Amino acid sequence: MNSRRIIETLSDGELIDLYKIKGDKQIIGVLYKRYTGFTFAVCLKYFKSRVDSEDAVMQIFEKLIEDLKKHTVSNFKSWLYTVAKNHCLIIIRSRKNSVPSEYIDNVFMEIDYNTHLDTEDILEQRLEKLEKNLNKLSEDQQVCVELFYIKRNSYAEICRITGYTQNEVKSHIQNGKRKLKIMLTKDE
């Protein structure tokens, strides 16, 4: 029997203990294989979206690589349920803070409530400024920011469309957002 098959026969607790000793990501792979469907179902319960749930599962298991080294886990399945639930709730809460028609405003700048223009005029002006400044970003940042904030694609979809890794996509979005915020606040 090879070592991969032996590892697959270990209990969750034994796998976690072995992972803490060896740090071998193949061990996390065994847990991933066992609990992908379970984690996906938990995420789907909260997101009601297959794409968002798939993204969340990947993010959760990436996070487990570090978290399992730090935490004492006696019942992996219930611990994973809690981790997945909390991950989903954090994302949902962050999304609730923005409403679709004002999404770009909330991301890039605070609304100035002291202005006498009505909200549609403000939104239109800011969208014009955003569009003008979006063209000043690097091509990579521009593509990723447009796909994420304007076309509302997930990280996984952007990776598929652009060919960038998930870390590259996150970096382009974060850097582009930071540059846009600086440009937009400087223009006011």
N, C-alpha and C. Protein backbone atom coordinates (compact mmCIF):
# COMPACT_ATOMS: atom_id res chain seq x y z
N MET A 1 0.85 -1.18 0.00
CA MET A 1 0.00 0.00 0.00
C MET A 1 0.89 1.25 0.00
N ASN A 2 0.67 2.18 -0.93
CA ASN A 2 1.51 3.37 -0.97
C ASN A 2 1.08 4.37 0.11
N SER A 3 1.93 5.39 0.32
CA SER A 3 1.68 6.34 1.41
C SER A 3 0.41 7.16 1.18
N ARG A 4 0.07 7.45 -0.07
CA ARG A 4 -1.14 8.22 -0.37
C ARG A 4 -2.38 7.46 0.10
N ARG A 5 -2.41 6.17 -0.17
CA ARG A 5 -3.57 5.35 0.26
C ARG A 5 -3.62 5.21 1.76
N ILE A 6 -2.47 5.13 2.39
CA ILE A 6 -2.43 5.05 3.86
C ILE A 6 -2.98 6.35 4.44
N ILE A 7 -2.55 7.47 3.90
CA ILE A 7 -3.01 8.77 4.39
C ILE A 7 -4.53 8.88 4.24
N GLU A 8 -5.07 8.40 3.14
CA GLU A 8 -6.51 8.50 2.90
C GLU A 8 -7.33 7.67 3.88
N THR A 9 -6.71 6.70 4.53
CA THR A 9 -7.45 5.87 5.49
C THR A 9 -7.44 6.47 6.90
N LEU A 10 -6.64 7.50 7.13
CA LEU A 10 -6.55 8.11 8.46
C LEU A 10 -7.82 8.90 8.78
N SER A 11 -8.12 9.01 10.07
CA SER A 11 -9.26 9.82 10.50
C SER A 11 -8.91 11.30 10.33
N ASP A 12 -9.92 12.15 10.43
CA ASP A 12 -9.69 13.60 10.32
C ASP A 12 -8.67 14.07 11.35
N GLY A 13 -8.85 13.63 12.59
CA GLY A 13 -7.94 14.02 13.67
C GLY A 13 -6.51 13.57 13.40
N GLU A 14 -6.37 12.36 12.90
CA GLU A 14 -5.03 11.85 12.58
C GLU A 14 -4.41 12.64 11.44
N LEU A 15 -5.22 12.99 10.46
CA LEU A 15 -4.72 13.80 9.35
C LEU A 15 -4.24 15.17 9.83
N ILE A 16 -5.01 15.79 10.71
CA ILE A 16 -4.64 17.11 11.22
C ILE A 16 -3.34 17.02 12.02
N ASP A 17 -3.24 16.01 12.87
CA ASP A 17 -1.99 15.82 13.64
C ASP A 17 -0.80 15.61 12.72
N LEU A 18 -0.97 14.80 11.69
CA LEU A 18 0.10 14.53 10.73
C LEU A 18 0.46 15.80 9.96
N TYR A 19 -0.54 16.58 9.62
CA TYR A 19 -0.29 17.84 8.90
C TYR A 19 0.52 18.80 9.77
N LYS A 20 0.18 18.87 11.06
CA LYS A 20 0.92 19.75 11.97
C LYS A 20 2.38 19.34 12.07
N ILE A 21 2.64 18.04 11.96
CA ILE A 21 4.02 17.54 12.05
C ILE A 21 4.75 17.76 10.73
N LYS A 22 4.14 17.32 9.63
CA LYS A 22 4.82 17.32 8.33
C LYS A 22 4.61 18.59 7.51
N GLY A 23 3.46 19.25 7.68
CA GLY A 23 3.16 20.44 6.88
C GLY A 23 2.93 20.13 5.40
N ASP A 24 2.63 18.88 5.08
CA ASP A 24 2.44 18.45 3.70
C ASP A 24 1.03 18.82 3.22
N LYS A 25 0.95 19.62 2.18
CA LYS A 25 -0.34 20.09 1.67
C LYS A 25 -1.18 18.96 1.07
N GLN A 26 -0.56 17.83 0.76
CA GLN A 26 -1.35 16.69 0.26
C GLN A 26 -2.32 16.21 1.33
N ILE A 27 -1.96 16.40 2.57
CA ILE A 27 -2.84 16.01 3.67
C ILE A 27 -4.09 16.89 3.67
N ILE A 28 -3.90 18.19 3.44
CA ILE A 28 -5.04 19.10 3.31
C ILE A 28 -5.87 18.67 2.09
N GLY A 29 -5.19 18.18 1.07
CA GLY A 29 -5.87 17.70 -0.13
C GLY A 29 -6.84 16.56 0.18
N VAL A 30 -6.47 15.70 1.11
CA VAL A 30 -7.35 14.59 1.52
C VAL A 30 -8.59 15.16 2.22
N LEU A 31 -8.37 16.13 3.11
CA LEU A 31 -9.51 16.77 3.79
C LEU A 31 -10.38 17.52 2.78
N TYR A 32 -9.74 18.15 1.82
CA TYR A 32 -10.47 18.87 0.76
C TYR A 32 -11.37 17.90 0.00
N LYS A 33 -10.79 16.76 -0.36
CA LYS A 33 -11.53 15.75 -1.11
C LYS A 33 -12.73 15.25 -0.29
N ARG A 34 -12.52 15.06 1.01
CA ARG A 34 -13.59 14.57 1.88
C ARG A 34 -14.70 15.59 2.09
N TYR A 35 -14.33 16.86 2.19
CA TYR A 35 -15.28 17.87 2.66
C TYR A 35 -15.61 18.98 1.67
N THR A 36 -15.21 18.84 0.42
CA THR A 36 -15.55 19.86 -0.57
C THR A 36 -17.05 19.99 -0.72
N GLY A 37 -17.72 18.88 -0.90
CA GLY A 37 -19.18 18.90 -1.08
C GLY A 37 -19.89 19.48 0.13
N PHE A 38 -19.44 19.10 1.31
CA PHE A 38 -20.02 19.61 2.56
C PHE A 38 -19.83 21.12 2.66
N THR A 39 -18.61 21.58 2.40
CA THR A 39 -18.31 23.01 2.50
C THR A 39 -19.07 23.79 1.43
N PHE A 40 -19.16 23.24 0.24
CA PHE A 40 -19.92 23.88 -0.83
C PHE A 40 -21.39 24.03 -0.43
N ALA A 41 -21.95 23.00 0.18
CA ALA A 41 -23.36 23.03 0.60
C ALA A 41 -23.58 24.12 1.66
N VAL A 42 -22.64 24.24 2.59
CA VAL A 42 -22.75 25.28 3.62
C VAL A 42 -22.74 26.66 2.95
N CYS A 43 -21.80 26.86 2.04
CA CYS A 43 -21.67 28.16 1.37
C CYS A 43 -22.89 28.46 0.50
N LEU A 44 -23.40 27.44 -0.17
CA LEU A 44 -24.57 27.61 -1.03
C LEU A 44 -25.79 28.02 -0.22
N LYS A 45 -25.87 27.50 1.00
CA LYS A 45 -26.97 27.86 1.91
C LYS A 45 -26.98 29.36 2.16
N TYR A 46 -25.81 29.97 2.26
CA TYR A 46 -25.72 31.40 2.55
C TYR A 46 -25.73 32.26 1.30
N PHE A 47 -25.03 31.85 0.26
CA PHE A 47 -24.88 32.68 -0.94
C PHE A 47 -25.99 32.48 -1.97
N LYS A 48 -26.56 31.30 -2.04
CA LYS A 48 -27.56 30.98 -3.07
C LYS A 48 -26.99 31.14 -4.48
N SER A 49 -25.68 31.09 -4.59
CA SER A 49 -25.01 31.26 -5.87
C SER A 49 -23.90 30.22 -5.99
N ARG A 50 -23.94 29.46 -7.06
CA ARG A 50 -22.95 28.42 -7.29
C ARG A 50 -21.53 29.01 -7.41
N VAL A 51 -21.40 30.08 -8.18
CA VAL A 51 -20.08 30.69 -8.41
C VAL A 51 -19.50 31.24 -7.11
N ASP A 52 -20.32 32.00 -6.36
CA ASP A 52 -19.84 32.55 -5.09
C ASP A 52 -19.46 31.42 -4.12
N SER A 53 -20.24 30.36 -4.12
CA SER A 53 -19.97 29.23 -3.23
C SER A 53 -18.67 28.52 -3.61
N GLU A 54 -18.45 28.34 -4.91
CA GLU A 54 -17.20 27.71 -5.36
C GLU A 54 -15.99 28.56 -4.97
N ASP A 55 -16.09 29.88 -5.15
CA ASP A 55 -15.02 30.78 -4.75
C ASP A 55 -14.75 30.67 -3.26
N ALA A 56 -15.82 30.66 -2.49
CA ALA A 56 -15.69 30.60 -1.03
C ALA A 56 -15.02 29.30 -0.58
N VAL A 57 -15.38 28.19 -1.19
CA VAL A 57 -14.77 26.90 -0.83
C VAL A 57 -13.26 26.97 -1.03
N MET A 58 -12.84 27.52 -2.16
CA MET A 58 -11.40 27.64 -2.44
C MET A 58 -10.72 28.54 -1.41
N GLN A 59 -11.35 29.66 -1.09
CA GLN A 59 -10.78 30.58 -0.11
C GLN A 59 -10.68 29.94 1.27
N ILE A 60 -11.69 29.19 1.64
CA ILE A 60 -11.72 28.54 2.95
C ILE A 60 -10.59 27.51 3.05
N PHE A 61 -10.45 26.68 2.03
CA PHE A 61 -9.40 25.65 2.10
C PHE A 61 -8.00 26.25 1.99
N GLU A 62 -7.86 27.37 1.28
CA GLU A 62 -6.56 28.06 1.27
C GLU A 62 -6.23 28.56 2.66
N LYS A 63 -7.25 29.06 3.35
CA LYS A 63 -7.08 29.58 4.71
C LYS A 63 -6.74 28.45 5.69
N LEU A 64 -7.28 27.27 5.45
CA LEU A 64 -7.03 26.13 6.35
C LEU A 64 -5.56 25.74 6.39
N ILE A 65 -4.83 26.01 5.33
CA ILE A 65 -3.40 25.66 5.28
C ILE A 65 -2.68 26.27 6.47
N GLU A 66 -3.02 27.51 6.82
CA GLU A 66 -2.41 28.17 7.98
C GLU A 66 -3.19 27.91 9.27
N ASP A 67 -4.52 27.96 9.18
CA ASP A 67 -5.34 27.85 10.38
C ASP A 67 -5.19 26.52 11.11
N LEU A 68 -5.03 25.43 10.36
CA LEU A 68 -4.91 24.12 11.01
C LEU A 68 -3.61 24.00 11.81
N LYS A 69 -2.61 24.78 11.45
CA LYS A 69 -1.35 24.76 12.20
C LYS A 69 -1.51 25.47 13.54
N LYS A 70 -2.44 26.43 13.61
CA LYS A 70 -2.59 27.27 14.80
C LYS A 70 -3.64 26.77 15.79
N HIS A 71 -4.66 26.06 15.29
CA HIS A 71 -5.81 25.71 16.13
C HIS A 71 -5.80 24.24 16.54
N THR A 72 -6.34 24.00 17.71
CA THR A 72 -6.57 22.63 18.15
C THR A 72 -8.00 22.28 17.74
N VAL A 73 -8.12 21.26 16.90
CA VAL A 73 -9.42 20.90 16.34
C VAL A 73 -9.76 19.49 16.77
N SER A 74 -10.81 19.37 17.58
CA SER A 74 -11.19 18.03 18.03
C SER A 74 -12.23 17.39 17.11
N ASN A 75 -13.12 18.19 16.54
CA ASN A 75 -14.12 17.67 15.60
C ASN A 75 -14.03 18.51 14.33
N PHE A 76 -13.31 18.01 13.34
CA PHE A 76 -13.02 18.78 12.14
C PHE A 76 -14.27 19.23 11.41
N LYS A 77 -15.24 18.35 11.26
CA LYS A 77 -16.43 18.67 10.48
C LYS A 77 -17.20 19.84 11.10
N SER A 78 -17.39 19.82 12.40
CA SER A 78 -18.13 20.92 13.03
C SER A 78 -17.29 22.20 13.05
N TRP A 79 -15.99 22.07 13.21
CA TRP A 79 -15.10 23.23 13.16
C TRP A 79 -15.13 23.84 11.75
N LEU A 80 -15.06 22.99 10.73
CA LEU A 80 -15.11 23.45 9.34
C LEU A 80 -16.44 24.14 9.05
N TYR A 81 -17.53 23.60 9.58
CA TYR A 81 -18.84 24.22 9.40
C TYR A 81 -18.82 25.65 9.94
N THR A 82 -18.27 25.82 11.13
CA THR A 82 -18.19 27.15 11.76
C THR A 82 -17.31 28.09 10.95
N VAL A 83 -16.16 27.59 10.48
CA VAL A 83 -15.25 28.40 9.66
C VAL A 83 -15.96 28.83 8.37
N ALA A 84 -16.63 27.91 7.72
CA ALA A 84 -17.33 28.21 6.46
C ALA A 84 -18.46 29.20 6.69
N LYS A 85 -19.25 28.97 7.73
CA LYS A 85 -20.37 29.86 8.05
C LYS A 85 -19.85 31.28 8.31
N ASN A 86 -18.81 31.40 9.13
CA ASN A 86 -18.26 32.72 9.45
C ASN A 86 -17.69 33.41 8.21
N HIS A 87 -17.03 32.64 7.36
CA HIS A 87 -16.48 33.19 6.12
C HIS A 87 -17.61 33.77 5.26
N CYS A 88 -18.68 33.02 5.10
CA CYS A 88 -19.82 33.47 4.30
C CYS A 88 -20.48 34.70 4.90
N LEU A 89 -20.65 34.71 6.21
CA LEU A 89 -21.30 35.85 6.87
C LEU A 89 -20.48 37.12 6.73
N ILE A 90 -19.17 37.00 6.81
CA ILE A 90 -18.30 38.16 6.65
C ILE A 90 -18.47 38.75 5.25
N ILE A 91 -18.49 37.88 4.25
CA ILE A 91 -18.65 38.35 2.87
C ILE A 91 -20.03 38.98 2.67
N ILE A 92 -21.06 38.34 3.20
CA ILE A 92 -22.42 38.86 3.06
C ILE A 92 -22.55 40.21 3.73
N ARG A 93 -21.98 40.36 4.93
CA ARG A 93 -22.04 41.64 5.63
C ARG A 93 -21.33 42.73 4.84
N SER A 94 -20.19 42.39 4.26
CA SER A 94 -19.46 43.40 3.50
C SER A 94 -20.25 43.81 2.26
N ARG A 95 -20.98 42.89 1.68
CA ARG A 95 -21.81 43.21 0.50
C ARG A 95 -23.03 44.04 0.88
N LYS A 96 -23.57 43.80 2.07
CA LYS A 96 -24.77 44.53 2.50
C LYS A 96 -24.48 46.01 2.69
N ASN A 97 -23.23 46.35 2.90
CA ASN A 97 -22.88 47.75 3.11
C ASN A 97 -22.91 48.55 1.83
N SER A 98 -23.17 47.90 0.72
CA SER A 98 -23.26 48.64 -0.54
C SER A 98 -24.52 48.21 -1.28
N VAL A 99 -25.17 49.17 -1.87
CA VAL A 99 -26.35 48.86 -2.68
C VAL A 99 -25.95 49.00 -4.14
N PRO A 100 -26.49 48.18 -5.02
CA PRO A 100 -26.02 48.14 -6.40
C PRO A 100 -25.91 49.49 -7.10
N SER A 101 -26.89 50.37 -6.99
CA SER A 101 -26.83 51.64 -7.72
C SER A 101 -25.73 52.56 -7.19
N GLU A 102 -25.32 52.37 -5.94
CA GLU A 102 -24.27 53.20 -5.35
C GLU A 102 -22.99 52.41 -5.09
N TYR A 103 -22.89 51.24 -5.68
CA TYR A 103 -21.78 50.33 -5.37
C TYR A 103 -20.42 50.98 -5.60
N ILE A 104 -20.24 51.62 -6.73
CA ILE A 104 -18.95 52.20 -7.06
C ILE A 104 -18.64 53.35 -6.11
N ASP A 105 -19.64 54.17 -5.77
CA ASP A 105 -19.43 55.25 -4.80
C ASP A 105 -18.93 54.70 -3.47
N ASN A 106 -19.59 53.66 -2.97
CA ASN A 106 -19.21 53.10 -1.68
C ASN A 106 -17.82 52.50 -1.69
N VAL A 107 -17.40 51.97 -2.82
CA VAL A 107 -16.08 51.36 -2.90
C VAL A 107 -14.99 52.41 -2.95
N PHE A 108 -15.18 53.46 -3.75
CA PHE A 108 -14.09 54.38 -4.02
C PHE A 108 -14.10 55.67 -3.22
N MET A 109 -15.23 56.10 -2.74
CA MET A 109 -15.24 57.37 -2.02
C MET A 109 -16.45 57.50 -1.13
N GLU A 110 -16.33 58.34 -0.10
CA GLU A 110 -17.45 58.57 0.80
C GLU A 110 -18.40 59.57 0.15
N ILE A 111 -19.68 59.42 0.43
CA ILE A 111 -20.67 60.34 -0.11
C ILE A 111 -20.63 61.62 0.70
N ASP A 112 -20.61 62.76 0.03
CA ASP A 112 -20.61 64.07 0.68
C ASP A 112 -22.06 64.49 0.87
N TYR A 113 -22.56 64.35 2.07
CA TYR A 113 -23.97 64.64 2.34
C TYR A 113 -24.26 66.15 2.42
N ASN A 114 -23.23 66.98 2.43
CA ASN A 114 -23.43 68.42 2.54
C ASN A 114 -23.68 69.08 1.19
N THR A 115 -23.59 68.35 0.12
CA THR A 115 -23.79 68.92 -1.21
C THR A 115 -25.26 69.12 -1.50
N HIS A 116 -25.60 70.13 -2.34
CA HIS A 116 -27.01 70.35 -2.63
C HIS A 116 -27.45 69.67 -3.93
N LEU A 117 -26.57 68.95 -4.58
CA LEU A 117 -26.99 68.21 -5.78
C LEU A 117 -27.77 66.98 -5.37
N ASP A 118 -28.72 66.58 -6.18
CA ASP A 118 -29.44 65.36 -5.84
C ASP A 118 -28.56 64.14 -6.13
N THR A 119 -28.92 63.02 -5.59
CA THR A 119 -28.09 61.81 -5.64
C THR A 119 -27.79 61.34 -7.05
N GLU A 120 -28.75 61.46 -7.96
CA GLU A 120 -28.51 61.02 -9.34
C GLU A 120 -27.43 61.86 -10.01
N ASP A 121 -27.45 63.17 -9.76
CA ASP A 121 -26.42 64.05 -10.33
C ASP A 121 -25.05 63.71 -9.75
N ILE A 122 -25.02 63.47 -8.45
CA ILE A 122 -23.75 63.12 -7.80
C ILE A 122 -23.23 61.82 -8.39
N LEU A 123 -24.10 60.84 -8.48
CA LEU A 123 -23.69 59.54 -9.01
C LEU A 123 -23.18 59.68 -10.44
N GLU A 124 -23.89 60.44 -11.25
CA GLU A 124 -23.48 60.63 -12.64
C GLU A 124 -22.12 61.31 -12.73
N GLN A 125 -21.91 62.34 -11.93
CA GLN A 125 -20.62 63.04 -11.92
C GLN A 125 -19.49 62.11 -11.49
N ARG A 126 -19.75 61.35 -10.47
CA ARG A 126 -18.70 60.45 -9.96
C ARG A 126 -18.41 59.33 -10.93
N LEU A 127 -19.45 58.83 -11.59
CA LEU A 127 -19.22 57.79 -12.60
C LEU A 127 -18.40 58.33 -13.77
N GLU A 128 -18.66 59.59 -14.16
CA GLU A 128 -17.86 60.21 -15.22
C GLU A 128 -16.40 60.34 -14.80
N LYS A 129 -16.17 60.79 -13.55
CA LYS A 129 -14.80 60.91 -13.03
C LYS A 129 -14.14 59.54 -12.96
N LEU A 130 -14.93 58.55 -12.51
CA LEU A 130 -14.40 57.20 -12.41
C LEU A 130 -13.97 56.69 -13.77
N GLU A 131 -14.83 56.87 -14.77
CA GLU A 131 -14.52 56.40 -16.11
C GLU A 131 -13.27 57.08 -16.66
N LYS A 132 -13.16 58.40 -16.46
CA LYS A 132 -11.99 59.16 -16.92
C LYS A 132 -10.70 58.65 -16.26
N ASN A 133 -10.77 58.41 -14.95
CA ASN A 133 -9.59 57.98 -14.21
C ASN A 133 -9.28 56.50 -14.39
N LEU A 134 -10.28 55.71 -14.71
CA LEU A 134 -10.07 54.28 -14.93
C LEU A 134 -9.08 54.07 -16.08
N ASN A 135 -9.13 54.93 -17.06
CA ASN A 135 -8.22 54.82 -18.21
C ASN A 135 -6.78 55.14 -17.85
N LYS A 136 -6.56 55.74 -16.69
CA LYS A 136 -5.20 56.08 -16.24
C LYS A 136 -4.51 54.92 -15.53
N LEU A 137 -5.25 53.86 -15.21
CA LEU A 137 -4.67 52.68 -14.56
C LEU A 137 -3.87 51.87 -15.57
N SER A 138 -3.00 51.00 -15.06
CA SER A 138 -2.31 50.07 -15.96
C SER A 138 -3.37 49.17 -16.59
N GLU A 139 -3.04 48.59 -17.72
CA GLU A 139 -4.02 47.76 -18.43
C GLU A 139 -4.51 46.60 -17.55
N ASP A 140 -3.59 45.96 -16.81
CA ASP A 140 -3.95 44.84 -15.94
C ASP A 140 -4.95 45.28 -14.87
N GLN A 141 -4.64 46.42 -14.23
CA GLN A 141 -5.52 46.94 -13.18
C GLN A 141 -6.87 47.34 -13.76
N GLN A 142 -6.85 48.00 -14.89
CA GLN A 142 -8.08 48.47 -15.52
C GLN A 142 -9.01 47.30 -15.83
N VAL A 143 -8.46 46.26 -16.44
CA VAL A 143 -9.27 45.09 -16.81
C VAL A 143 -9.86 44.44 -15.56
N CYS A 144 -9.03 44.21 -14.55
CA CYS A 144 -9.50 43.52 -13.34
C CYS A 144 -10.53 44.36 -12.58
N VAL A 145 -10.30 45.67 -12.44
CA VAL A 145 -11.24 46.54 -11.74
C VAL A 145 -12.57 46.58 -12.47
N GLU A 146 -12.54 46.71 -13.79
CA GLU A 146 -13.80 46.74 -14.56
C GLU A 146 -14.56 45.42 -14.41
N LEU A 147 -13.83 44.30 -14.53
CA LEU A 147 -14.51 43.00 -14.43
C LEU A 147 -15.09 42.78 -13.05
N PHE A 148 -14.39 43.23 -12.00
CA PHE A 148 -14.83 42.97 -10.63
C PHE A 148 -15.92 43.94 -10.18
N TYR A 149 -15.66 45.24 -10.30
CA TYR A 149 -16.59 46.22 -9.75
C TYR A 149 -17.72 46.61 -10.69
N ILE A 150 -17.45 46.66 -11.96
CA ILE A 150 -18.48 47.13 -12.89
C ILE A 150 -19.28 45.96 -13.46
N LYS A 151 -18.59 44.92 -13.90
CA LYS A 151 -19.29 43.77 -14.47
C LYS A 151 -19.63 42.72 -13.43
N ARG A 152 -19.12 42.92 -12.18
CA ARG A 152 -19.47 42.08 -11.02
C ARG A 152 -19.08 40.61 -11.19
N ASN A 153 -17.92 40.35 -11.82
CA ASN A 153 -17.42 38.98 -11.95
C ASN A 153 -16.71 38.57 -10.67
N SER A 154 -16.69 37.29 -10.38
CA SER A 154 -15.97 36.77 -9.22
C SER A 154 -14.49 36.65 -9.56
N TYR A 155 -13.66 36.43 -8.55
CA TYR A 155 -12.23 36.23 -8.77
C TYR A 155 -12.00 35.07 -9.74
N ALA A 156 -12.72 33.97 -9.54
CA ALA A 156 -12.54 32.79 -10.39
C ALA A 156 -12.88 33.12 -11.85
N GLU A 157 -13.95 33.89 -12.06
CA GLU A 157 -14.33 34.26 -13.42
C GLU A 157 -13.26 35.16 -14.05
N ILE A 158 -12.72 36.09 -13.26
CA ILE A 158 -11.69 36.99 -13.78
C ILE A 158 -10.43 36.21 -14.13
N CYS A 159 -10.07 35.23 -13.29
CA CYS A 159 -8.91 34.37 -13.59
C CYS A 159 -9.12 33.65 -14.91
N ARG A 160 -10.33 33.11 -15.10
CA ARG A 160 -10.63 32.38 -16.32
C ARG A 160 -10.58 33.31 -17.54
N ILE A 161 -11.11 34.51 -17.41
CA ILE A 161 -11.17 35.46 -18.53
C ILE A 161 -9.78 35.98 -18.88
N THR A 162 -8.99 36.34 -17.86
CA THR A 162 -7.71 37.02 -18.09
C THR A 162 -6.50 36.09 -18.15
N GLY A 163 -6.62 34.93 -17.49
CA GLY A 163 -5.47 34.04 -17.40
C GLY A 163 -4.55 34.36 -16.23
N TYR A 164 -4.90 35.37 -15.43
CA TYR A 164 -4.11 35.71 -14.24
C TYR A 164 -4.40 34.71 -13.13
N THR A 165 -3.46 34.59 -12.19
CA THR A 165 -3.70 33.78 -11.01
C THR A 165 -4.62 34.57 -10.08
N GLN A 166 -5.18 33.90 -9.08
CA GLN A 166 -6.08 34.59 -8.15
C GLN A 166 -5.32 35.67 -7.38
N ASN A 167 -4.07 35.40 -7.00
CA ASN A 167 -3.29 36.42 -6.29
C ASN A 167 -3.01 37.63 -7.18
N GLU A 168 -2.75 37.40 -8.47
CA GLU A 168 -2.54 38.51 -9.39
C GLU A 168 -3.81 39.35 -9.53
N VAL A 169 -4.94 38.68 -9.65
CA VAL A 169 -6.23 39.38 -9.77
C VAL A 169 -6.47 40.24 -8.53
N LYS A 170 -6.29 39.65 -7.35
CA LYS A 170 -6.50 40.40 -6.11
C LYS A 170 -5.56 41.60 -6.04
N SER A 171 -4.32 41.42 -6.43
CA SER A 171 -3.34 42.49 -6.40
C SER A 171 -3.71 43.60 -7.37
N HIS A 172 -4.09 43.25 -8.60
CA HIS A 172 -4.47 44.26 -9.59
C HIS A 172 -5.70 45.05 -9.11
N ILE A 173 -6.67 44.36 -8.52
CA ILE A 173 -7.88 45.03 -8.03
C ILE A 173 -7.53 45.96 -6.87
N GLN A 174 -6.77 45.45 -5.92
CA GLN A 174 -6.42 46.24 -4.74
C GLN A 174 -5.60 47.48 -5.13
N ASN A 175 -4.59 47.30 -5.97
CA ASN A 175 -3.75 48.43 -6.38
C ASN A 175 -4.53 49.41 -7.25
N GLY A 176 -5.36 48.89 -8.15
CA GLY A 176 -6.18 49.75 -8.98
C GLY A 176 -7.17 50.56 -8.16
N LYS A 177 -7.80 49.92 -7.20
CA LYS A 177 -8.76 50.59 -6.33
C LYS A 177 -8.08 51.70 -5.53
N ARG A 178 -6.89 51.40 -5.00
CA ARG A 178 -6.14 52.40 -4.23
C ARG A 178 -5.79 53.61 -5.11
N LYS A 179 -5.29 53.35 -6.32
CA LYS A 179 -4.92 54.44 -7.23
C LYS A 179 -6.15 55.27 -7.63
N LEU A 180 -7.27 54.59 -7.91
CA LEU A 180 -8.49 55.30 -8.27
C LEU A 180 -8.98 56.18 -7.13
N LYS A 181 -8.92 55.68 -5.93
CA LYS A 181 -9.37 56.45 -4.78
C LYS A 181 -8.54 57.72 -4.63
N ILE A 182 -7.23 57.58 -4.83
CA ILE A 182 -6.34 58.75 -4.75
C ILE A 182 -6.69 59.74 -5.86
N MET A 183 -6.86 59.25 -7.09
CA MET A 183 -7.18 60.13 -8.20
C MET A 183 -8.54 60.81 -8.03
N LEU A 184 -9.52 60.05 -7.56
CA LEU A 184 -10.87 60.61 -7.41
C LEU A 184 -10.94 61.65 -6.30
N THR A 185 -10.24 61.43 -5.21
CA THR A 185 -10.27 62.41 -4.13
C THR A 185 -9.45 63.63 -4.49
N LYS A 186 -8.41 63.46 -5.31
CA LYS A 186 -7.59 64.59 -5.76
C LYS A 186 -8.38 65.48 -6.72
N ASP A 187 -9.27 64.89 -7.51
CA ASP A 187 -10.06 65.63 -8.48
C ASP A 187 -11.15 66.50 -7.84
N GLU A 188 -11.52 66.23 -6.60
CA GLU A 188 -12.63 66.96 -5.97
C GLU A 188 -12.23 68.32 -5.50
